[in-house]
Amino acid sequence: MSEIRASSVTTSGAPQPTSPTGAADREFTVKERSQLQQAFRRFLRHRLAVLSLVLFILIVLLAFVGPLIWKYKYTDITPDNSQPPSPAHPFGTDSLGHDWFAQVLRGLQQSVKVALCIAIVASTLGVVWGGVSGYYRGISDSVLMRLADLILTIPAIALAAALGNIGGGTWWMIALVLGGLSAPLVARAVRGVVLSLREQEFVEAARALGASDRWIILRHLVPNAFAVVIVYATLLVATGILSETALSFIGFGVHPPDTSLGLLIYQAQSAVQTRPWLFYFPGLFIILIALTVNFIGDGLRDAFDPRQTRQRR
């Protein structure tokens, strides 16, 4: 790009710069940002969501890295029985001598795995379910949506307890069951987006160019529903960890010798008065995960919705 030096000519013919420094005027351009980059910048302005994201990442790192470096395993039995929190045992010990910090780390790891798996399974099934239903409409839409309504009317905890118990109470079986039961929520949201987009000009142009239905759904419709899916996925993480906690609390979740946050609370409910640390530390992590994930979802909703005009401070 050529540079043009701004100058003026006096009556004597001597050039004289118009700016004090005599610097050349430059042409400034702003690089075009993609939709994802714009959403990322809007998310960074949501300070509470950013803080929650950092805290959630630290919790996940603690769940998966902490057991590798902590001196006790969750199966170890120490001679310190029913000890309150101390430098040797930050979260105290139970009546058998288990280090409660190691138990909480293991429970946190299992609960996080269940919650993340629930979000992935529900989002994947929901995208396919809602995309096919909204695009084809007609009989396919009626059948798929009536199936979704049927699943949503079934008590999720009761069905998950029955199906999860058949699978032996393993974390992946619980995650698959709860994820499948949550998929209709995502499917209904994706269907609404697809219904509003299937008649748009860019879809008609793709049809005119000979694009297949699968290509239109995966290449044009699903990416436009990405904002809805990612918000639902984050909220399903919070819902998933609460559902897993409820199942483990009533005895239909993760079974011993393994553990989860819900199972730890269930085992410590009789010791709330005498050894409260056994009850409150697992509960604290459940509250932290639920709150941080909900704030992250709130920030993502604002970031991916260009109609949001609120400024976060």
Protein backbone atom coordinates (compact mmCIF):
# COMPACT_ATOMS: atom_id res chain seq x y z
CA MET A 1 0.00 0.00 0.00
CA SER A 2 1.52 3.27 -1.04
CA GLU A 3 1.93 5.98 1.53
CA ILE A 4 0.92 9.57 0.82
CA ARG A 5 2.65 12.25 2.82
CA ALA A 6 0.21 15.01 3.69
CA SER A 7 1.73 18.42 3.11
CA SER A 8 0.79 21.92 2.07
CA VAL A 9 2.68 24.33 -0.15
CA THR A 10 3.19 27.91 0.99
CA THR A 11 3.44 30.90 -1.30
CA SER A 12 7.22 30.64 -1.18
CA GLY A 13 7.04 27.12 -2.59
CA ALA A 14 8.47 25.35 0.50
CA PRO A 15 6.53 22.21 1.58
CA GLN A 16 5.26 22.30 5.13
CA PRO A 17 3.76 19.25 6.91
CA THR A 18 0.25 19.57 8.19
CA SER A 19 0.97 17.43 11.30
CA PRO A 20 3.46 18.42 13.98
CA THR A 21 5.50 15.24 13.54
CA GLY A 22 5.38 15.19 9.80
CA ALA A 23 4.37 11.52 9.90
CA ALA A 24 2.57 10.03 6.97
CA ASP A 25 -1.13 9.42 7.21
CA ARG A 26 -1.87 5.70 7.29
CA GLU A 27 -4.90 3.75 6.33
CA PHE A 28 -6.13 1.52 9.15
CA THR A 29 -8.27 -1.54 8.54
CA VAL A 30 -10.04 -3.83 11.02
CA LYS A 31 -9.70 -7.54 10.41
CA GLU A 32 -13.03 -9.26 9.91
CA ARG A 33 -13.99 -11.49 12.83
CA SER A 34 -15.84 -14.75 12.52
CA GLN A 35 -19.04 -15.44 14.42
CA LEU A 36 -17.11 -17.66 16.84
CA GLN A 37 -14.56 -14.92 17.53
CA GLN A 38 -17.29 -12.39 18.17
CA ALA A 39 -19.03 -14.79 20.55
CA PHE A 40 -15.72 -15.36 22.36
CA ARG A 41 -15.22 -11.62 22.83
CA ARG A 42 -18.76 -11.23 24.17
CA PHE A 43 -18.19 -14.14 26.55
CA LEU A 44 -15.03 -12.50 27.93
CA ARG A 45 -17.10 -9.44 28.85
CA HIS A 46 -19.24 -11.67 31.09
CA ARG A 47 -16.86 -11.58 34.05
CA LEU A 48 -18.87 -13.89 36.29
CA ALA A 49 -18.99 -16.51 33.53
CA VAL A 50 -15.24 -16.25 32.94
CA LEU A 51 -14.54 -16.59 36.66
CA SER A 52 -16.89 -19.58 36.81
CA LEU A 53 -15.13 -21.19 33.84
CA VAL A 54 -11.74 -20.83 35.53
CA LEU A 55 -13.12 -22.30 38.75
CA PHE A 56 -14.76 -25.20 36.92
CA ILE A 57 -11.50 -26.00 35.11
CA LEU A 58 -9.67 -26.00 38.45
CA ILE A 59 -12.28 -28.37 39.90
CA VAL A 60 -11.90 -30.75 36.94
CA LEU A 61 -8.10 -30.65 37.28
CA LEU A 62 -8.42 -31.36 40.99
CA ALA A 63 -10.69 -34.32 40.25
CA PHE A 64 -8.35 -35.98 37.76
CA VAL A 65 -4.88 -34.80 38.80
CA GLY A 66 -5.40 -34.65 42.57
CA PRO A 67 -5.68 -38.44 43.11
CA LEU A 68 -2.40 -38.94 41.26
CA ILE A 69 -0.37 -36.72 43.57
CA TRP A 70 -2.20 -37.08 46.89
CA LYS A 71 -0.45 -39.38 49.37
CA TYR A 72 -3.55 -41.46 50.13
CA LYS A 73 -5.73 -43.51 47.83
CA TYR A 74 -9.46 -43.64 48.33
CA THR A 75 -9.14 -47.32 49.32
CA ASP A 76 -6.39 -46.75 51.92
CA ILE A 77 -7.27 -47.21 55.59
CA THR A 78 -5.26 -45.15 58.08
CA PRO A 79 -5.02 -45.63 61.87
CA ASP A 80 -6.66 -42.20 62.36
CA ASN A 81 -10.34 -42.96 62.88
CA SER A 82 -12.99 -40.21 62.93
CA GLN A 83 -10.43 -37.40 62.99
CA PRO A 84 -11.53 -33.82 62.24
CA PRO A 85 -9.80 -31.83 59.48
CA SER A 86 -6.09 -31.40 60.16
CA PRO A 87 -2.87 -30.81 58.18
CA ALA A 88 -2.43 -34.58 57.82
CA HIS A 89 -6.05 -35.06 56.70
CA PRO A 90 -7.44 -31.78 55.26
CA PHE A 91 -10.99 -33.14 55.12
CA GLY A 92 -10.70 -35.40 58.16
CA THR A 93 -11.30 -39.15 58.24
CA ASP A 94 -14.30 -41.43 58.60
CA SER A 95 -14.98 -44.11 61.21
CA LEU A 96 -12.94 -46.69 59.26
CA GLY A 97 -9.93 -44.44 58.84
CA HIS A 98 -10.38 -43.50 55.17
CA ASP A 99 -8.80 -40.19 54.31
CA TRP A 100 -11.85 -38.11 53.41
CA PHE A 101 -9.96 -35.84 51.01
CA ALA A 102 -9.01 -38.90 48.93
CA GLN A 103 -12.62 -40.09 49.09
CA VAL A 104 -13.93 -36.70 47.94
CA LEU A 105 -11.41 -36.59 45.08
CA ARG A 106 -12.56 -40.00 43.87
CA GLY A 107 -16.21 -39.08 44.24
CA LEU A 108 -15.62 -35.78 42.45
CA GLN A 109 -13.90 -37.59 39.59
CA GLN A 110 -16.75 -40.06 39.13
CA SER A 111 -19.44 -37.39 39.38
CA VAL A 112 -17.70 -35.14 36.84
CA LYS A 113 -17.31 -38.04 34.42
CA VAL A 114 -20.99 -38.86 34.73
CA ALA A 115 -22.06 -35.23 34.25
CA LEU A 116 -19.86 -34.63 31.20
CA CYS A 117 -20.91 -37.92 29.61
CA ILE A 118 -24.58 -37.05 30.16
CA ALA A 119 -24.09 -33.72 28.37
CA ILE A 120 -22.28 -35.35 25.43
CA VAL A 121 -24.81 -38.17 24.99
CA ALA A 122 -27.85 -35.88 25.32
CA SER A 123 -26.42 -33.26 22.95
CA THR A 124 -25.43 -35.80 20.28
CA LEU A 125 -28.77 -37.62 20.32
CA GLY A 126 -30.71 -34.36 20.61
CA VAL A 127 -29.02 -32.77 17.58
CA VAL A 128 -29.78 -35.76 15.33
CA TRP A 129 -33.26 -36.18 16.77
CA GLY A 130 -34.29 -32.53 16.51
CA GLY A 131 -32.56 -31.96 13.17
CA VAL A 132 -34.33 -34.85 11.43
CA SER A 133 -37.67 -33.98 13.03
CA GLY A 134 -37.56 -30.30 12.14
CA TYR A 135 -36.25 -30.75 8.59
CA TYR A 136 -38.56 -33.51 7.34
CA ARG A 137 -41.65 -32.51 9.34
CA GLY A 138 -44.80 -34.47 8.49
CA ILE A 139 -45.13 -37.99 9.88
CA SER A 140 -41.47 -38.15 10.93
CA ASP A 141 -41.86 -35.01 12.98
CA SER A 142 -45.07 -36.22 14.62
CA VAL A 143 -43.64 -39.62 15.57
CA LEU A 144 -40.35 -38.27 16.89
CA MET A 145 -41.93 -35.47 18.89
CA ARG A 146 -44.60 -37.72 20.38
CA LEU A 147 -41.80 -40.07 21.44
CA ALA A 148 -40.03 -37.11 23.04
CA ASP A 149 -43.21 -36.11 24.87
CA LEU A 150 -43.61 -39.69 26.11
CA ILE A 151 -40.07 -39.82 27.49
CA LEU A 152 -40.46 -36.44 29.17
CA THR A 153 -43.59 -37.62 31.00
CA ILE A 154 -41.73 -40.57 32.56
CA PRO A 155 -40.14 -39.84 35.97
CA ALA A 156 -36.49 -39.70 34.96
CA ILE A 157 -35.06 -40.60 38.37
CA ALA A 158 -37.31 -43.67 38.71
CA LEU A 159 -36.50 -44.97 35.22
CA ALA A 160 -32.80 -44.21 35.61
CA ALA A 161 -32.78 -46.04 38.94
CA ALA A 162 -34.33 -49.14 37.35
CA LEU A 163 -32.17 -49.18 34.23
CA GLY A 164 -28.98 -48.15 36.02
CA ASN A 165 -29.41 -50.88 38.62
CA ILE A 166 -29.74 -53.45 35.84
CA GLY A 167 -26.39 -52.29 34.47
CA GLY A 168 -24.67 -52.89 37.79
CA GLY A 169 -24.46 -49.29 38.95
CA THR A 170 -21.39 -48.46 36.83
CA TRP A 171 -20.84 -44.78 36.10
CA TRP A 172 -21.02 -45.17 32.31
CA MET A 173 -24.35 -47.02 32.47
CA ILE A 174 -25.82 -44.27 34.67
CA ALA A 175 -24.48 -41.63 32.26
CA LEU A 176 -25.96 -43.37 29.22
CA VAL A 177 -29.38 -43.73 30.85
CA LEU A 178 -29.54 -40.14 32.12
CA GLY A 179 -28.15 -38.82 28.83
CA GLY A 180 -30.78 -40.68 26.83
CA LEU A 181 -33.55 -39.38 29.08
CA SER A 182 -32.27 -35.81 28.68
CA ALA A 183 -31.96 -35.97 24.88
CA PRO A 184 -35.62 -34.95 24.21
CA LEU A 185 -34.96 -31.57 25.84
CA VAL A 186 -32.17 -30.82 23.37
CA ALA A 187 -34.18 -32.31 20.49
CA ARG A 188 -37.12 -29.98 21.05
CA ALA A 189 -34.83 -26.94 21.15
CA VAL A 190 -32.95 -27.97 17.99
CA ARG A 191 -36.21 -28.74 16.20
CA GLY A 192 -37.44 -25.18 16.85
CA VAL A 193 -34.27 -23.72 15.35
CA VAL A 194 -34.37 -26.02 12.32
CA LEU A 195 -38.04 -25.23 11.65
CA SER A 196 -37.25 -21.52 11.53
CA LEU A 197 -34.26 -22.02 9.21
CA ARG A 198 -35.38 -24.69 6.74
CA GLU A 199 -37.27 -22.17 4.61
CA GLN A 200 -34.51 -19.57 4.56
CA GLU A 201 -32.91 -18.49 1.29
CA PHE A 202 -29.57 -20.20 1.90
CA VAL A 203 -31.30 -23.56 2.39
CA GLU A 204 -33.33 -23.06 -0.79
CA ALA A 205 -30.11 -22.19 -2.62
CA ALA A 206 -28.44 -25.36 -1.35
CA ARG A 207 -31.39 -27.42 -2.57
CA ALA A 208 -31.26 -25.71 -5.96
CA LEU A 209 -27.56 -26.58 -6.26
CA GLY A 210 -28.37 -30.24 -5.66
CA ALA A 211 -27.22 -30.61 -2.03
CA SER A 212 -28.51 -33.72 -0.29
CA ASP A 213 -30.74 -33.56 2.77
CA ARG A 214 -27.96 -34.92 4.96
CA TRP A 215 -25.56 -32.25 3.69
CA ILE A 216 -28.08 -29.48 4.33
CA ILE A 217 -28.81 -30.71 7.86
CA LEU A 218 -25.18 -31.24 8.88
CA ARG A 219 -23.57 -28.37 6.97
CA HIS A 220 -26.17 -25.61 7.23
CA LEU A 221 -28.82 -26.29 9.86
CA VAL A 222 -26.89 -27.94 12.72
CA PRO A 223 -24.14 -25.25 12.82
CA ASN A 224 -26.83 -22.59 13.14
CA ALA A 225 -28.27 -24.51 16.10
CA PHE A 226 -24.85 -24.76 17.73
CA ALA A 227 -25.53 -21.88 20.12
CA VAL A 228 -28.65 -23.58 21.48
CA VAL A 229 -26.89 -26.93 21.78
CA ILE A 230 -23.86 -25.62 23.67
CA VAL A 231 -26.03 -23.73 26.15
CA TYR A 232 -28.14 -26.82 26.78
CA ALA A 233 -25.00 -28.94 27.10
CA THR A 234 -23.58 -26.75 29.86
CA LEU A 235 -26.87 -26.74 31.74
CA LEU A 236 -27.07 -30.53 31.38
CA VAL A 237 -23.73 -30.83 33.18
CA ALA A 238 -25.28 -29.19 36.24
CA THR A 239 -28.48 -31.21 35.89
CA GLY A 240 -26.48 -34.38 35.38
CA ILE A 241 -24.41 -34.06 38.52
CA LEU A 242 -27.52 -33.34 40.57
CA SER A 243 -29.31 -36.35 39.03
CA GLU A 244 -26.34 -38.61 39.73
CA THR A 245 -26.24 -37.31 43.28
CA ALA A 246 -29.92 -38.08 43.72
CA LEU A 247 -29.52 -41.61 42.35
CA SER A 248 -26.51 -42.36 44.53
CA PHE A 249 -28.25 -40.88 47.56
CA ILE A 250 -31.17 -43.31 47.24
CA GLY A 251 -28.84 -46.23 46.58
CA PHE A 252 -29.30 -46.67 42.80
CA GLY A 253 -26.22 -44.83 41.60
CA VAL A 254 -22.55 -45.73 41.90
CA HIS A 255 -22.07 -48.75 44.17
CA PRO A 256 -19.25 -49.43 46.66
CA PRO A 257 -16.32 -50.05 46.63
CA ASP A 258 -16.37 -47.19 44.13
CA THR A 259 -17.84 -43.90 45.22
CA SER A 260 -19.32 -40.59 44.06
CA LEU A 261 -20.29 -37.32 45.71
CA GLY A 262 -23.88 -38.45 46.10
CA LEU A 263 -22.83 -41.74 47.67
CA LEU A 264 -20.50 -39.94 50.09
CA ILE A 265 -23.37 -37.70 51.24
CA TYR A 266 -25.62 -40.73 51.63
CA GLN A 267 -23.02 -42.52 53.75
CA ALA A 268 -22.42 -39.43 55.89
CA GLN A 269 -26.03 -38.44 56.56
CA SER A 270 -26.05 -40.24 59.91
CA ALA A 271 -22.92 -38.37 61.02
CA VAL A 272 -24.08 -34.80 60.33
CA GLN A 273 -24.23 -33.96 64.04
CA THR A 274 -21.11 -35.79 65.23
CA ARG A 275 -18.77 -35.55 62.19
CA PRO A 276 -20.16 -32.77 59.98
CA TRP A 277 -17.05 -32.61 57.77
CA LEU A 278 -18.04 -35.93 56.21
CA PHE A 279 -21.29 -34.40 54.95
CA TYR A 280 -20.42 -30.82 54.09
CA PHE A 281 -17.26 -31.24 52.00
CA PRO A 282 -18.92 -33.40 49.27
CA GLY A 283 -21.96 -31.12 49.37
CA LEU A 284 -19.75 -28.07 48.88
CA PHE A 285 -18.30 -29.46 45.66
CA ILE A 286 -21.76 -30.31 44.33
CA ILE A 287 -22.88 -26.73 44.96
CA LEU A 288 -19.74 -25.30 43.35
CA ILE A 289 -20.12 -27.39 40.21
CA ALA A 290 -23.82 -26.61 39.83
CA LEU A 291 -23.31 -22.86 40.31
CA THR A 292 -20.25 -22.51 38.07
CA VAL A 293 -21.81 -24.48 35.22
CA ASN A 294 -25.01 -22.45 35.39
CA PHE A 295 -23.06 -19.18 35.26
CA ILE A 296 -21.04 -20.53 32.31
CA GLY A 297 -24.28 -21.40 30.53
CA ASP A 298 -25.60 -17.90 31.19
CA GLY A 299 -22.47 -16.38 29.68
CA LEU A 300 -22.58 -18.64 26.63
CA ARG A 301 -26.23 -17.80 26.03
CA ASP A 302 -25.42 -14.09 26.00
CA ALA A 303 -22.33 -14.64 23.85
CA PHE A 304 -24.02 -16.65 21.12
CA ASP A 305 -27.16 -14.50 21.00
CA PRO A 306 -26.34 -11.31 19.05
CA ARG A 307 -29.60 -9.77 20.26
CA GLN A 308 -28.25 -9.62 23.79
CA THR A 309 -27.17 -6.03 24.49
CA ARG A 310 -26.48 -6.19 28.20
CA GLN A 311 -22.97 -5.25 29.17
CA ARG A 312 -21.39 -7.38 31.90
CA ARG A 313 -19.22 -5.61 34.41
